[in-house]
């Protein structure tokens, strides 16, 4: 039907204007010119070889591999290798294309999406991949008993899921929902799960995940690594890969090296082949080394922001929250931490996300120490004999909950606040423990970074229904809630822009966050690994191989 095509274009307009965990973005991008050369290196190196192992270093370890029960982007990264999604983004145009689905259509009222699924696909445990399997997966995700928090938002607005036959999956929406198709392309979080495996392993499924992807879960060594073995039966790779069969290497190993410098040493020594999320200063060093390739990504989301717990007795005061914003010299942090490879952030989404309000750069908080001190004085905070701000005999101080990857910015922020008479105690946590802590509201200040391709992320981050999930700031604003609900139900792109411009203004005015920067992201690979391609925020491995 003509309307189906028109509706598809409207939904794609929302997606394609922009450049998934979460949490990890899912769309694939055309590489920069220097990375195109690296992707062509496989051709220059000869015919792909089977066998061997590719190892990737991360500073984080997953809390679980049950993709319904986590908010960690690394789970989506690894889960992408284990599973697959109904749809994927075209690497060059960013249009949605079928993957596990063969085709799809949208009803005239925009409330029903019908998918025709590919046949001949099996889970790693031999279970057939059917529409019923996907229905069971999504029913589990939406079931309150599962305890899903963040990930269930990816199916927001879904009224029912039907599987009239093995090859037909029908998703019915309560109302047209703009981000639903792009969410269904998040490969790790939105993959089908084997009900047989879930029933077999029960509460231990998170340590025994089963999917339909090119890699099968093999082993998890706590605090060390997760090993995936290639799925020999895999014959349904994404259309943009040259390799249409199973992966070339025998194993893909994710090594968890909490100390960043130790991870770099492992890359130098050859203990790992690839290092994820390097700092710009280190990426520059490796770019001058002929043994390595550097892959560069523009983050779609937020590189670093300070979240403030508005239920905290002191942070309930909006003047204090505004003052903290004004005490942060973004340019200094960008220069020190990113070697200048980033841009100041003034709001909750980056400029390459659809709906970004450019006016935010004018009305967002600028560095102004004197004005910040005036605001604090107007709230009763005065300097004591030690030069610290004090009220009712209590000094102004906060605990900043952080993790190892943010050690440097934490120390810089600590120094900036101290100059104004505010004490900061830095508490460092392992990433999974930090995520759980802040989701419960058990913190005062914390850092956050995220990647996501659509402004609907603001619903997850600030809607009052998301307390206990990603609404770490504990925002409860009826006007903002209404805008965020309207934004996800509006398909007209121009109207949607206006809605999100209003939402951003409220978020900035309420000072729930103190945004700092949006950065470039870097992965570095040893040149023994050939055929790597890149998506929006990570590397793609299905064409990759190692030279023996």
Protein backbone atom coordinates (compact mmCIF):
# COMPACT_ATOMS: atom_id res chain seq x y z
CA UNK A 1 0.00 0.00 0.00
CA UNK A 2 1.13 3.54 -0.73
CA UNK A 3 0.47 4.59 2.85
CA UNK A 4 2.73 1.84 4.13
CA UNK A 5 5.58 3.22 2.04
CA UNK A 6 4.82 6.76 3.16
CA UNK A 7 4.71 5.74 6.83
CA UNK A 8 7.99 3.91 6.39
CA UNK A 9 9.62 7.05 5.01
CA UNK A 10 8.32 9.15 7.91
CA UNK A 11 9.78 6.72 10.42
CA UNK A 12 13.02 6.54 8.49
CA UNK A 13 13.24 10.33 8.35
CA UNK A 14 13.41 10.32 12.13
CA UNK A 15 16.23 7.82 11.97
CA UNK A 16 18.15 8.81 8.86
CA UNK A 17 18.67 12.43 9.85
CA UNK A 18 20.87 11.25 12.72
CA UNK A 19 24.48 10.08 12.12
CA UNK A 20 22.35 1.62 21.04
CA UNK A 21 22.88 -0.06 25.22
CA UNK A 22 22.44 2.92 25.94
CA UNK A 23 23.78 2.09 25.94
CA UNK A 24 25.52 1.11 22.49
CA UNK A 25 24.22 2.58 19.22
CA UNK A 26 23.26 0.09 16.59
CA UNK A 27 23.43 1.79 13.22
CA UNK A 28 26.32 1.25 10.84
CA UNK A 29 28.17 4.17 9.32
CA UNK A 30 30.38 4.66 6.32
CA UNK A 31 33.91 4.85 7.67
CA UNK A 32 36.08 7.91 7.51
CA UNK A 33 38.49 8.00 4.58
CA UNK A 34 41.45 6.80 6.61
CA UNK A 35 39.39 3.91 7.99
CA UNK A 36 38.21 2.99 4.49
CA UNK A 37 41.83 2.25 3.69
CA UNK A 38 42.03 -0.01 6.72
CA UNK A 39 38.87 -1.85 5.74
CA UNK A 40 40.41 -2.46 2.33
CA UNK A 41 43.51 -3.93 3.96
CA UNK A 42 41.94 -7.41 3.86
CA UNK A 43 41.94 -7.28 0.06
CA UNK A 44 45.57 -6.25 0.05
CA UNK A 45 46.51 -8.95 2.55
CA UNK A 46 45.05 -11.77 0.45
CA UNK A 47 42.40 -14.44 0.93
CA UNK A 48 40.78 -14.70 4.39
CA UNK A 49 42.13 -17.56 6.48
CA UNK A 50 40.14 -19.78 8.83
CA UNK A 51 41.21 -20.41 12.40
CA UNK A 52 42.89 -18.50 15.15
CA UNK A 53 41.53 -16.17 17.83
CA UNK A 54 40.71 -12.47 18.03
CA UNK A 55 40.84 -10.97 21.50
CA UNK A 56 39.29 -7.62 22.48
CA UNK A 57 40.11 -5.67 25.62
CA UNK A 58 37.51 -3.72 27.62
CA UNK A 59 37.84 -1.99 30.97
CA UNK A 60 34.32 -3.15 31.91
CA UNK A 61 32.94 -6.62 32.58
CA UNK A 62 29.24 -7.45 32.05
CA UNK A 63 27.04 -7.90 35.09
CA UNK A 64 25.06 -10.58 33.20
CA UNK A 65 24.63 -11.79 29.65
CA UNK A 66 20.86 -11.90 30.06
CA UNK A 67 20.17 -8.95 27.77
CA UNK A 68 16.80 -8.28 29.44
CA UNK A 69 18.33 -7.71 32.87
CA UNK A 70 21.11 -5.20 32.30
CA UNK A 71 21.80 -1.60 31.37
CA UNK A 72 25.45 -2.08 30.39
CA UNK A 73 26.47 -1.31 26.81
CA UNK A 74 29.14 -4.01 26.80
CA UNK A 75 26.36 -6.60 27.14
CA UNK A 76 24.86 -5.28 23.90
CA UNK A 77 28.32 -5.34 22.27
CA UNK A 78 28.90 -8.99 23.14
CA UNK A 79 25.24 -9.86 22.67
CA UNK A 80 25.42 -8.57 19.09
CA UNK A 81 27.88 -11.38 18.31
CA UNK A 82 25.66 -14.00 19.97
CA UNK A 83 22.37 -12.84 18.47
CA UNK A 84 20.79 -10.75 15.74
CA UNK A 85 17.83 -8.44 15.16
CA UNK A 86 14.77 -8.19 12.96
CA UNK A 87 16.18 -5.13 11.20
CA UNK A 88 19.59 -3.52 10.68
CA UNK A 89 20.76 -0.13 9.46
CA UNK A 90 22.31 0.19 6.02
CA UNK A 91 26.02 1.06 6.44
CA UNK A 92 25.89 3.97 4.00
CA UNK A 93 22.32 5.34 3.91
CA UNK A 94 21.23 4.46 7.49
CA UNK A 95 17.94 3.18 6.09
CA UNK A 96 16.43 0.23 7.92
CA UNK A 97 16.84 -3.08 6.13
CA UNK A 98 15.55 -6.57 7.03
CA UNK A 99 17.89 -9.06 8.69
CA UNK A 100 16.18 -11.85 10.65
CA UNK A 101 13.04 -10.52 9.04
CA UNK A 102 12.68 -11.06 5.31
CA UNK A 103 10.34 -8.07 4.93
CA UNK A 104 7.99 -5.87 6.94
CA UNK A 105 4.99 -3.59 6.44
CA UNK A 106 3.17 -0.96 8.50
CA UNK A 107 -0.61 -0.56 8.64
CA UNK A 108 -2.35 2.64 7.53
CA UNK A 109 -2.96 3.81 11.12
CA UNK A 110 0.67 3.14 12.05
CA UNK A 111 -0.34 0.82 14.90
CA UNK A 112 0.54 -2.58 13.42
CA UNK A 113 3.90 -3.79 12.10
CA UNK A 114 3.95 -7.16 10.35
CA UNK A 115 7.23 -9.00 9.86
CA UNK A 116 7.82 -11.97 7.57
CA UNK A 117 10.73 -13.94 9.04
CA UNK A 118 13.58 -15.71 7.29
CA UNK A 119 13.42 -19.48 7.29
CA UNK A 120 16.14 -22.02 8.00
CA UNK A 121 17.58 -20.20 11.02
CA UNK A 122 18.33 -22.10 14.25
CA UNK A 123 19.37 -21.17 17.77
CA UNK A 124 22.72 -22.43 19.01
CA UNK A 125 20.93 -25.21 20.95
CA UNK A 126 19.21 -26.46 17.78
CA UNK A 127 15.82 -24.87 18.53
CA UNK A 128 14.16 -23.52 15.36
CA UNK A 129 13.92 -19.74 15.03
CA UNK A 130 10.22 -18.92 14.58
CA UNK A 131 7.79 -16.07 15.15
CA UNK A 132 6.70 -17.89 18.32
CA UNK A 133 10.29 -17.72 19.61
CA UNK A 134 10.34 -13.95 19.07
CA UNK A 135 6.92 -13.55 20.71
CA UNK A 136 8.14 -15.52 23.74
CA UNK A 137 11.24 -13.33 23.90
CA UNK A 138 9.32 -10.05 23.80
CA UNK A 139 6.63 -11.35 26.18
CA UNK A 140 9.40 -12.19 28.64
CA UNK A 141 10.96 -8.75 28.23
CA UNK A 142 7.64 -7.02 28.97
CA UNK A 143 6.65 -9.35 31.84
CA UNK A 144 7.16 -7.49 35.17
CA UNK A 145 8.32 -10.79 36.71
CA UNK A 146 11.42 -10.68 34.51
CA UNK A 147 12.59 -7.51 36.24
CA UNK A 148 13.71 -5.78 33.06
CA UNK A 149 14.26 -2.05 33.59
CA UNK A 150 16.02 -0.09 30.88
CA UNK A 151 15.71 -2.53 27.98
CA UNK A 152 11.92 -2.83 28.24
CA UNK A 153 11.73 0.81 27.12
CA UNK A 154 12.81 -0.31 23.68
CA UNK A 155 9.35 -1.86 23.32
CA UNK A 156 7.51 1.11 24.82
CA UNK A 157 4.03 1.49 23.36
CA UNK A 158 3.71 -2.18 22.38
CA UNK A 159 0.17 -3.41 23.13
CA UNK A 160 0.47 -7.01 21.98
CA UNK A 161 2.66 -9.43 20.05
CA UNK A 162 1.18 -12.16 17.89
CA UNK A 163 2.61 -15.12 15.97
CA UNK A 164 -0.16 -16.49 13.74
CA UNK A 165 2.31 -18.84 12.04
CA UNK A 166 6.02 -19.70 12.19
CA UNK A 167 7.02 -17.03 9.69
CA UNK A 168 4.74 -14.13 10.71
CA UNK A 169 5.32 -11.81 13.67
CA UNK A 170 2.84 -9.01 14.36
CA UNK A 171 3.59 -6.16 16.75
CA UNK A 172 0.56 -4.08 17.70
CA UNK A 173 1.09 -0.61 19.16
CA UNK A 174 -1.22 1.38 21.42
CA UNK A 175 -0.39 4.40 19.26
CA UNK A 176 2.08 5.16 16.45
CA UNK A 177 5.52 5.15 18.07
CA UNK A 178 8.37 6.87 16.24
CA UNK A 179 11.44 5.04 17.65
CA UNK A 180 10.08 1.49 17.65
CA UNK A 181 11.62 0.40 14.32
CA UNK A 182 15.06 1.79 15.13
CA UNK A 183 14.88 0.08 18.54
CA UNK A 184 14.16 -3.25 16.86
CA UNK A 185 17.50 -2.88 15.05
CA UNK A 186 19.51 -2.99 18.30
CA UNK A 187 21.05 -6.40 17.76
CA UNK A 188 22.20 -7.35 21.24
CA UNK A 189 19.30 -6.16 23.35
CA UNK A 190 16.56 -6.97 20.80
CA UNK A 191 17.75 -10.44 19.79
CA UNK A 192 15.49 -13.50 20.04
CA UNK A 193 16.26 -15.79 22.98
CA UNK A 194 15.93 -19.56 23.21
CA UNK A 195 13.07 -20.39 25.60
CA UNK A 196 14.53 -23.88 25.92
CA UNK A 197 17.79 -22.38 27.22
CA UNK A 198 15.96 -20.02 29.60
CA UNK A 199 13.88 -22.89 31.00
CA UNK A 200 16.96 -25.11 31.30
CA UNK A 201 19.22 -22.60 33.04
CA UNK A 202 16.66 -20.56 34.99
CA UNK A 203 18.35 -17.85 37.08
CA UNK A 204 21.70 -18.90 35.59
CA UNK A 205 20.69 -18.09 32.02
CA UNK A 206 22.70 -14.85 32.25
CA UNK A 207 25.80 -17.06 32.44
CA UNK A 208 24.63 -19.35 29.64
CA UNK A 209 23.15 -17.18 26.86
CA UNK A 210 21.87 -18.79 23.64
CA UNK A 211 21.13 -16.88 20.45
CA UNK A 212 21.08 -17.23 16.67
CA UNK A 213 24.23 -15.25 15.87
CA UNK A 214 27.61 -16.05 14.32
CA UNK A 215 29.19 -16.72 17.72
CA UNK A 216 28.16 -19.16 20.47
CA UNK A 217 28.81 -18.62 24.15
CA UNK A 218 31.58 -20.93 25.35
CA UNK A 219 33.00 -19.79 28.68
CA UNK A 220 32.98 -17.00 31.27
CA UNK A 221 35.95 -16.66 33.61
CA UNK A 222 34.94 -14.21 36.31
CA UNK A 223 37.04 -11.07 36.28
CA UNK A 224 38.97 -12.25 33.24
CA UNK A 225 37.14 -13.02 30.02
CA UNK A 226 34.18 -14.27 28.02
CA UNK A 227 35.00 -16.65 25.17
CA UNK A 228 32.76 -17.15 22.14
CA UNK A 229 33.17 -20.02 19.67
CA UNK A 230 32.12 -19.66 16.05
CA UNK A 231 28.74 -21.04 15.04
CA UNK A 232 29.63 -23.53 12.31
CA UNK A 233 25.99 -23.61 11.11
CA UNK A 234 25.71 -19.87 10.56
CA UNK A 235 24.48 -19.02 7.04
CA UNK A 236 22.40 -15.87 7.54
CA UNK A 237 24.91 -13.04 7.80
CA UNK A 238 23.89 -9.44 7.20
CA UNK A 239 23.75 -8.44 3.56
CA UNK A 240 26.61 -5.93 3.85
CA UNK A 241 29.19 -8.56 4.88
CA UNK A 242 31.23 -10.29 2.18
CA UNK A 243 31.38 -13.44 4.29
CA UNK A 244 28.03 -15.23 3.88
CA UNK A 245 28.96 -18.25 6.00
CA UNK A 246 30.38 -18.87 9.46
CA UNK A 247 33.06 -16.65 10.98
CA UNK A 248 36.69 -17.12 9.96
CA UNK A 249 38.36 -17.22 13.42
CA UNK A 250 37.63 -20.12 15.78
CA UNK A 251 37.13 -17.91 18.82
CA UNK A 252 36.35 -14.36 19.83
CA UNK A 253 37.60 -13.54 23.33
CA UNK A 254 36.52 -10.49 25.33
CA UNK A 255 39.13 -9.76 27.99
CA UNK A 256 38.18 -7.57 30.95
CA UNK A 257 41.09 -5.43 32.11
CA UNK A 258 39.80 -2.93 34.65
CA UNK A 259 42.94 -0.81 34.73
CA UNK A 260 43.17 1.27 31.56
CA UNK A 261 46.98 1.43 31.47
CA UNK A 262 47.19 -2.33 31.93
CA UNK A 263 44.88 -2.73 28.93
CA UNK A 264 47.25 -0.60 26.83
CA UNK A 265 50.18 -2.71 27.97
CA UNK A 266 48.26 -5.83 26.89
CA UNK A 267 47.74 -4.26 23.45
CA UNK A 268 51.43 -3.41 23.17
CA UNK A 269 52.52 -6.91 24.17
CA UNK A 270 50.06 -8.70 21.90
CA UNK A 271 48.04 -10.17 24.78
CA UNK A 272 45.00 -8.58 23.16
CA UNK A 273 44.47 -7.76 19.48
CA UNK A 274 42.02 -4.89 19.92
CA UNK A 275 41.51 -2.29 22.65
CA UNK A 276 38.16 -0.55 23.04
CA UNK A 277 37.40 3.06 23.94
CA UNK A 278 40.89 4.56 23.97
CA UNK A 279 41.58 8.12 24.99
CA UNK A 280 42.51 10.52 22.16
CA UNK A 281 46.08 10.96 23.40
CA UNK A 282 46.64 7.22 23.17
CA UNK A 283 44.86 6.93 19.83
CA UNK A 284 47.27 9.53 18.44
CA UNK A 285 50.23 7.53 19.70
CA UNK A 286 49.00 4.32 18.05
CA UNK A 287 48.18 6.08 14.79
CA UNK A 288 51.90 6.74 14.41
CA UNK A 289 52.73 3.07 15.01
CA UNK A 290 52.80 0.96 11.78
CA UNK A 291 51.76 -2.16 13.73
CA UNK A 292 48.28 -0.80 14.52
CA UNK A 293 45.13 0.56 12.92
CA UNK A 294 43.10 3.25 14.68
CA UNK A 295 39.32 3.39 14.17
CA UNK A 296 37.54 6.64 14.97
CA UNK A 297 33.86 7.16 15.83
CA UNK A 298 31.74 10.24 16.47
CA UNK A 299 29.70 9.54 19.56
CA UNK A 300 25.96 9.87 19.16
CA UNK A 301 24.85 10.67 22.67
CA UNK A 302 26.82 12.04 25.60
CA UNK A 303 30.49 11.54 26.37
CA UNK A 304 30.42 12.82 29.93
CA UNK A 305 27.84 14.50 32.14
CA UNK A 306 27.39 14.85 35.88
CA UNK A 307 24.05 13.52 37.08
CA UNK A 308 22.64 15.04 40.28
CA UNK A 309 20.32 13.21 42.66
CA UNK A 310 17.49 15.72 43.09
CA UNK A 311 16.20 13.78 46.10
CA UNK A 312 19.36 14.70 47.98
CA UNK A 313 18.57 17.33 50.62
CA UNK A 314 21.10 19.86 49.27
CA UNK A 315 20.60 19.09 45.57
CA UNK A 316 16.85 19.67 45.89
CA UNK A 317 17.84 23.33 45.71
CA UNK A 318 17.87 24.28 42.01
CA UNK A 319 20.24 27.15 42.76
CA UNK A 320 22.86 24.66 43.94
CA UNK A 321 22.39 22.53 40.82
CA UNK A 322 22.73 25.59 38.56
CA UNK A 323 25.83 26.72 40.45
CA UNK A 324 27.52 23.34 39.97
CA UNK A 325 26.90 23.70 36.22
CA UNK A 326 28.60 27.11 36.18
CA UNK A 327 31.64 25.86 38.09
CA UNK A 328 32.63 23.41 35.36
CA UNK A 329 35.14 24.68 32.82
CA UNK A 330 34.24 22.35 29.95
CA UNK A 331 37.02 23.56 27.65
CA UNK A 332 39.68 22.83 30.27
CA UNK A 333 38.38 19.30 30.79
CA UNK A 334 38.23 18.67 27.03
CA UNK A 335 41.79 19.87 26.63
CA UNK A 336 43.12 17.81 29.55
CA UNK A 337 41.14 14.59 29.09
CA UNK A 338 40.51 14.49 25.34
CA UNK A 339 43.50 16.38 23.99
CA UNK A 340 40.95 18.73 22.45
CA UNK A 341 39.18 15.90 20.57
CA UNK A 342 35.66 16.79 21.70
CA UNK A 343 33.01 19.49 21.93
CA UNK A 344 31.40 21.16 24.94
CA UNK A 345 27.95 19.78 25.82
CA UNK A 346 25.22 22.13 27.01
CA UNK A 347 22.25 19.77 27.01
CA UNK A 348 21.31 16.09 27.27
CA UNK A 349 21.78 15.05 23.60
CA UNK A 350 24.54 15.61 21.06
CA UNK A 351 24.30 17.77 17.96
CA UNK A 352 24.27 14.71 15.65
CA UNK A 353 21.05 13.35 17.16
CA UNK A 354 17.78 14.25 15.45
CA UNK A 355 15.94 16.99 17.35
CA UNK A 356 19.01 18.66 18.85
CA UNK A 357 18.18 22.29 19.66
CA UNK A 358 21.09 24.47 18.53
CA UNK A 359 19.77 27.32 20.73
CA UNK A 360 20.89 25.29 23.72
CA UNK A 361 24.41 26.56 23.07
CA UNK A 362 23.12 30.05 23.89
CA UNK A 363 20.90 29.35 26.91
CA UNK A 364 22.89 26.45 28.36
CA UNK A 365 25.10 27.12 31.38
CA UNK A 366 28.48 28.70 30.69
CA UNK A 367 31.52 28.63 32.96
CA UNK A 368 31.09 31.50 35.40
CA UNK A 369 32.63 30.97 38.83
CA UNK A 370 31.61 34.38 40.21
CA UNK A 371 27.96 33.93 39.24
CA UNK A 372 27.99 30.42 40.71
CA UNK A 373 29.28 31.70 44.06
CA UNK A 374 26.58 34.41 44.07
CA UNK A 375 23.90 31.78 43.54
CA UNK A 376 25.24 29.69 46.40
CA UNK A 377 25.40 32.73 48.69
CA UNK A 378 21.77 33.50 47.86
CA UNK A 379 20.95 30.01 49.15
CA UNK A 380 22.74 30.69 52.44
CA UNK A 381 26.16 29.21 51.75
CA UNK A 382 29.02 31.35 53.09
CA UNK A 383 32.80 30.86 53.16
CA UNK A 384 34.20 29.75 56.53
CA UNK A 385 37.73 30.30 57.88
CA UNK A 386 39.00 27.34 55.83
CA UNK A 387 37.67 28.84 52.61
CA UNK A 388 34.93 26.22 52.33
CA UNK A 389 31.26 27.03 51.85
CA UNK A 390 29.18 26.40 54.94
CA UNK A 391 25.56 26.65 56.09
CA UNK A 392 24.15 25.94 59.54
CA UNK A 393 27.57 24.70 60.62
CA UNK A 394 27.83 22.13 57.83
CA UNK A 395 30.31 22.41 54.97
CA UNK A 396 29.07 22.02 51.40
CA UNK A 397 30.39 18.72 50.10
CA UNK A 398 29.31 15.83 47.91
CA UNK A 399 30.29 12.28 47.17
CA UNK A 400 31.07 11.73 43.48
CA UNK A 401 30.42 8.09 42.55
CA UNK A 402 32.66 7.16 39.66
CA UNK A 403 34.52 4.29 38.00
CA UNK A 404 38.07 3.80 36.75
CA UNK A 405 37.51 5.13 33.24
CA UNK A 406 36.58 8.54 34.68
CA UNK A 407 39.42 8.96 37.17
CA UNK A 408 40.96 11.96 35.41
CA UNK A 409 37.77 14.01 34.88
CA UNK A 410 36.72 13.19 38.46
CA UNK A 411 39.93 14.69 39.82
CA UNK A 412 39.60 17.78 37.60
CA UNK A 413 35.99 18.37 38.69
CA UNK A 414 37.07 17.87 42.30
CA UNK A 415 39.67 20.64 41.90
CA UNK A 416 37.24 23.01 40.16
CA UNK A 417 34.66 22.64 42.90
CA UNK A 418 37.27 23.04 45.62
CA UNK A 419 38.27 26.43 44.17
CA UNK A 420 34.73 27.59 44.92
CA UNK A 421 34.72 26.10 48.42
CA UNK A 422 32.91 22.81 47.69
CA UNK A 423 34.34 19.52 48.88
CA UNK A 424 34.20 16.43 46.66
CA UNK A 425 34.94 12.91 47.87
CA UNK A 426 35.52 10.55 44.93
CA UNK A 427 34.27 7.01 45.40
CA UNK A 428 35.25 4.54 42.68
CA UNK A 429 33.16 1.47 41.85
CA UNK A 430 33.24 -1.38 39.33
CA UNK A 431 30.95 -0.44 36.42
CA UNK A 432 28.18 -2.96 37.17
CA UNK A 433 28.07 -2.05 40.86
CA UNK A 434 27.98 1.67 39.98
CA UNK A 435 25.08 1.15 37.57
CA UNK A 436 23.08 -0.70 40.23
CA UNK A 437 23.90 1.89 42.90
CA UNK A 438 22.81 4.95 40.92
CA UNK A 439 19.68 3.22 39.54
CA UNK A 440 18.53 2.82 43.15
CA UNK A 441 19.17 6.51 43.85
CA UNK A 442 21.96 5.61 46.29
CA UNK A 443 24.30 8.44 45.29
CA UNK A 444 24.75 12.23 45.30
CA UNK A 445 26.72 13.00 42.12
CA UNK A 446 27.80 10.56 39.42
CA UNK A 447 29.11 10.48 35.87
CA UNK A 448 27.21 9.16 32.86
CA UNK A 449 28.01 8.62 29.20
CA UNK A 450 25.70 7.01 26.67
CA UNK A 451 25.22 6.27 22.96
CA UNK A 452 21.79 6.27 21.35
CA UNK A 453 20.52 7.43 17.94
CA UNK A 454 17.14 8.96 18.81
CA UNK A 455 15.89 11.74 21.16
CA UNK A 456 13.54 9.19 22.73
CA UNK A 457 16.51 8.48 25.01
CA UNK A 458 15.25 11.49 26.98
CA UNK A 459 12.20 9.44 27.98
CA UNK A 460 14.46 6.80 29.51
CA UNK A 461 16.67 9.39 31.20
CA UNK A 462 14.10 11.84 32.59
CA UNK A 463 10.51 10.49 32.55
CA UNK A 464 9.18 9.89 36.06
CA UNK A 465 8.14 6.33 35.12
CA UNK A 466 11.84 5.50 34.74
CA UNK A 467 12.76 5.84 38.42
CA UNK A 468 14.74 2.71 39.22
CA UNK A 469 15.98 2.64 35.64
CA UNK A 470 17.98 5.34 33.84
CA UNK A 471 16.25 8.30 35.51
CA UNK A 472 19.16 8.61 37.91
CA UNK A 473 18.45 12.28 38.61
CA UNK A 474 15.06 11.24 40.04
CA UNK A 475 13.31 13.82 37.86
CA UNK A 476 9.56 14.15 38.46
CA UNK A 477 8.23 16.88 36.17
CA UNK A 478 4.69 16.58 34.79
CA UNK A 479 5.28 19.07 31.98
CA UNK A 480 8.42 17.23 30.90
CA UNK A 481 6.68 13.84 31.17
CA UNK A 482 3.92 15.04 28.85
CA UNK A 483 6.41 16.29 26.25
CA UNK A 484 8.41 13.06 26.30
CA UNK A 485 5.24 11.00 25.89
CA UNK A 486 4.14 13.21 23.00
CA UNK A 487 7.58 13.02 21.38
CA UNK A 488 7.61 9.24 21.13
CA UNK A 489 4.05 9.17 19.73
CA UNK A 490 4.61 11.87 17.07
CA UNK A 491 5.68 10.74 13.60
CA UNK A 492 5.85 14.13 11.86
CA UNK A 493 9.54 15.03 12.02
CA UNK A 494 9.11 18.83 12.20
CA UNK A 495 6.57 18.59 15.00
CA UNK A 496 8.82 16.14 16.80
CA UNK A 497 11.71 18.60 16.61
CA UNK A 498 9.62 21.28 18.34
CA UNK A 499 8.59 18.90 21.09
CA UNK A 500 12.15 17.88 21.86
CA UNK A 501 13.36 21.48 21.76
CA UNK A 502 10.88 22.26 24.55
CA UNK A 503 11.95 19.18 26.48
CA UNK A 504 15.65 20.11 26.26
CA UNK A 505 14.90 23.61 27.55
CA UNK A 506 13.13 22.22 30.63
CA UNK A 507 15.94 19.75 31.31
CA UNK A 508 18.55 22.52 31.15
CA UNK A 509 16.47 24.98 33.19
CA UNK A 510 15.93 22.37 35.92
CA UNK A 511 19.67 21.59 35.90
CA UNK A 512 19.20 17.85 36.42
CA UNK A 513 22.60 17.37 34.80
CA UNK A 514 25.82 19.27 34.38
CA UNK A 515 26.77 18.27 30.79
CA UNK A 516 30.48 18.38 30.05
CA UNK A 517 31.44 17.03 26.62
CA UNK A 518 30.74 14.90 23.58
CA UNK A 519 33.87 13.14 22.40
CA UNK A 520 35.28 11.08 19.60
CA UNK A 521 35.70 7.40 20.36
CA UNK A 522 38.63 5.22 19.35
CA UNK A 523 39.34 1.50 18.94
CA UNK A 524 42.85 0.32 18.14
CA UNK A 525 43.58 -2.96 16.38
CA UNK A 526 46.77 -4.89 15.77
CA UNK A 527 47.29 -5.25 12.02
CA UNK A 528 47.37 -9.03 12.35
CA UNK A 529 43.56 -8.69 12.34
CA UNK A 530 42.25 -8.12 8.81
CA UNK A 531 38.81 -7.30 7.39
CA UNK A 532 37.47 -5.21 10.25
CA UNK A 533 34.57 -2.87 9.51
CA UNK A 534 32.99 -0.30 11.77
CA UNK A 535 29.50 0.62 12.86
CA UNK A 536 28.38 3.81 14.60
CA UNK A 537 30.10 2.99 17.88
CA UNK A 538 31.92 -0.31 17.57
CA UNK A 539 33.73 -2.72 15.26
CA UNK A 540 32.11 -5.39 13.08
CA UNK A 541 33.84 -8.76 13.02
CA UNK A 542 32.12 -11.06 10.52
CA UNK A 543 34.56 -10.31 7.68
CA UNK A 544 37.56 -10.28 10.00
CA UNK A 545 40.32 -12.89 10.11
CA UNK A 546 43.81 -13.31 11.48
CA UNK A 547 46.93 -13.99 9.48
CA UNK A 548 48.83 -17.03 10.70
